[in-house]
Amino acid sequence: MKVWVDSQRCQGHTLCSMIAPDSFELSDIDGTASPVNEIVPADQEDAVREAAQSCPEQAISIDE
């Protein structure tokens, strides 16, 4: 599974990093998110899916 964050859509709500803290990191400059790794470890896949579904801006894309 791979994950991406659209930096143009992300508004820095931080929900993804609260739901999946090992998979998303926040910018110190503007608070926008980016994946820690493009390839998601198997044990983090459920949390990343939940984060993607919870994103208010729908900025997270997943490729199964």
Foldseek 3Di string as FASTA:
>chain_A
DFKFFQPVQFQQPCQLCVQQVQFWDADPPRNGIGGPDRDDPPVRVVSNVVSCVPRPSSRMDDDD
